[in-house]
């Protein structure tokens, strides 16, 4: 259903460091990176799509996060959710919701929310029950 998600960024080098660590923690693979164009994209290993892309806006205007817009990235377990959130904060992101259950979505929904260095809101979530 989804081909790609594109998040606008202001400083490619800074954003690339941030997202490279987050994506590696989620087990995603760098599909392309072109610093001269100011964009990079990640995918699940062995899958051509969907692609998570960061880049400078095509129209040349500054990027601006939207109100009510968020990208949710799937984690294989709750530990990865917590590690991803902690990594985002350690890299300069801001907390929008600590890791925890969100039973108002469904009983096993475990998520964490943060904003990247440009103010884009992301979620890392797991839909599986706690592993023993």
Protein backbone atom coordinates (compact mmCIF):
# COMPACT_ATOMS: atom_id res chain seq x y z
CA UNK A 1 0.00 0.00 0.00
CA UNK A 2 2.79 2.49 0.75
CA UNK A 3 5.60 3.16 -1.69
CA UNK A 4 7.64 5.53 0.46
CA UNK A 5 7.53 8.09 3.23
CA UNK A 6 9.54 11.29 2.86
CA UNK A 7 10.47 13.52 5.81
CA UNK A 8 11.90 16.95 5.14
CA UNK A 9 15.12 17.90 6.88
CA UNK A 10 17.21 21.08 7.08
CA UNK A 11 20.74 19.73 7.56
CA UNK A 12 21.42 16.49 5.69
CA UNK A 13 24.65 15.51 7.48
CA UNK A 14 23.12 16.03 10.92
CA UNK A 15 19.90 14.21 10.00
CA UNK A 16 21.80 11.36 8.34
CA UNK A 17 23.76 10.65 11.55
CA UNK A 18 20.51 10.70 13.56
CA UNK A 19 18.55 8.44 11.22
CA UNK A 20 21.41 6.06 10.45
CA UNK A 21 21.57 5.07 14.12
CA UNK A 22 17.79 4.82 14.55
CA UNK A 23 17.37 2.75 11.38
CA UNK A 24 20.27 0.44 12.26
CA UNK A 25 18.66 -0.19 15.65
CA UNK A 26 15.46 -1.19 13.86
CA UNK A 27 17.35 -3.52 11.52
CA UNK A 28 16.67 -1.42 8.42
CA UNK A 29 19.14 -1.25 5.53
CA UNK A 30 20.40 1.84 3.74
CA UNK A 31 19.07 1.62 0.17
CA UNK A 32 20.62 4.85 -1.12
CA UNK A 33 22.44 7.93 0.08
CA UNK A 34 23.36 10.97 -2.01
CA UNK A 35 24.75 13.77 0.12
CA UNK A 36 25.10 16.01 -2.95
CA UNK A 37 21.31 15.87 -3.39
CA UNK A 38 20.73 15.82 0.38
CA UNK A 39 18.71 12.62 0.64
CA UNK A 40 18.90 9.02 1.84
CA UNK A 41 16.51 6.09 2.13
CA UNK A 42 16.18 2.86 4.14
CA UNK A 43 14.25 -0.37 3.60
CA UNK A 44 13.68 -3.71 5.28
CA UNK A 45 16.39 -6.22 4.31
CA UNK A 46 15.52 -7.86 1.01
CA UNK A 47 12.51 -5.61 0.30
CA UNK A 48 12.52 -2.92 -2.37
CA UNK A 49 9.70 -0.97 -0.66
CA UNK A 50 8.40 0.75 1.32
CA UNK A 51 11.28 3.20 1.58
CA UNK A 52 11.76 5.62 4.46
CA UNK A 53 13.38 8.73 2.95
CA UNK A 54 14.87 11.85 4.49
CA UNK A 55 15.80 14.82 2.37
CA UNK A 56 15.70 18.50 1.71
CA UNK A 57 12.36 19.62 0.26
CA UNK A 58 12.32 19.49 -3.53
CA UNK A 59 10.92 23.01 -3.85
CA UNK A 60 13.93 24.48 -2.02
CA UNK A 61 11.84 25.96 0.77
CA UNK A 62 12.60 25.12 4.41
CA UNK A 63 11.10 21.91 5.76
CA UNK A 64 8.35 22.26 8.35
CA UNK A 65 6.69 19.45 10.30
CA UNK A 66 2.91 19.34 10.11
CA UNK A 67 0.50 19.29 13.00
CA UNK A 68 -1.06 15.86 13.30
CA UNK A 69 1.47 14.20 11.01
CA UNK A 70 3.56 11.32 12.28
CA UNK A 71 5.44 8.34 10.91
CA UNK A 72 5.26 5.10 12.89
CA UNK A 73 8.10 2.61 12.48
CA UNK A 74 7.57 -1.04 13.36
CA UNK A 75 9.87 -2.69 15.90
CA UNK A 76 10.15 -6.46 16.38
CA UNK A 77 9.76 -6.25 20.16
CA UNK A 78 9.31 -3.90 23.10
CA UNK A 79 13.02 -3.81 23.91
CA UNK A 80 13.77 -2.36 20.47
CA UNK A 81 11.05 0.25 21.02
CA UNK A 82 12.70 1.36 24.26
CA UNK A 83 16.22 1.32 22.76
CA UNK A 84 15.13 3.30 19.71
CA UNK A 85 13.47 5.95 21.86
CA UNK A 86 16.54 6.23 24.10
CA UNK A 87 18.80 6.47 21.05
CA UNK A 88 16.67 9.23 19.55
CA UNK A 89 16.87 11.25 22.76
CA UNK A 90 20.62 10.64 23.11
CA UNK A 91 21.07 11.97 19.55
CA UNK A 92 19.22 15.19 20.36
CA UNK A 93 15.62 14.24 19.62
CA UNK A 94 12.86 15.27 22.02
CA UNK A 95 10.42 13.03 23.86
CA UNK A 96 6.76 13.05 22.82
CA UNK A 97 5.82 9.99 24.89
CA UNK A 98 7.94 7.51 26.82
CA UNK A 99 7.93 3.80 25.90
CA UNK A 100 4.88 2.04 27.25
CA UNK A 101 1.63 0.26 26.59
CA UNK A 102 -1.11 2.20 24.82
CA UNK A 103 -4.11 -0.08 25.49
CA UNK A 104 -6.51 2.47 24.01
CA UNK A 105 -5.14 1.33 20.60
CA UNK A 106 -5.16 -2.39 21.46
CA UNK A 107 -4.01 -4.51 24.45
CA UNK A 108 -0.51 -5.27 23.09
CA UNK A 109 0.31 -1.90 21.50
CA UNK A 110 3.64 -0.78 22.92
CA UNK A 111 4.98 2.48 21.58
CA UNK A 112 7.30 5.41 22.12
CA UNK A 113 7.15 8.84 20.50
CA UNK A 114 9.81 11.42 19.69
CA UNK A 115 10.63 14.31 17.43
CA UNK A 116 13.74 14.34 15.27
CA UNK A 117 16.18 17.25 15.03
CA UNK A 118 13.86 19.06 12.59
CA UNK A 119 10.70 18.58 14.63
CA UNK A 120 9.24 15.67 12.64
CA UNK A 121 7.20 13.38 14.90
CA UNK A 122 7.95 9.66 14.87
CA UNK A 123 6.70 6.65 16.72
CA UNK A 124 8.43 3.31 17.17
CA UNK A 125 5.93 0.62 18.06
CA UNK A 126 5.44 -3.10 18.55
CA UNK A 127 2.09 -4.87 18.24
CA UNK A 128 3.21 -8.15 19.82
CA UNK A 129 2.67 -9.33 23.40
CA UNK A 130 5.60 -9.06 25.81
CA UNK A 131 8.19 -11.77 25.26
CA UNK A 132 9.20 -13.86 28.25
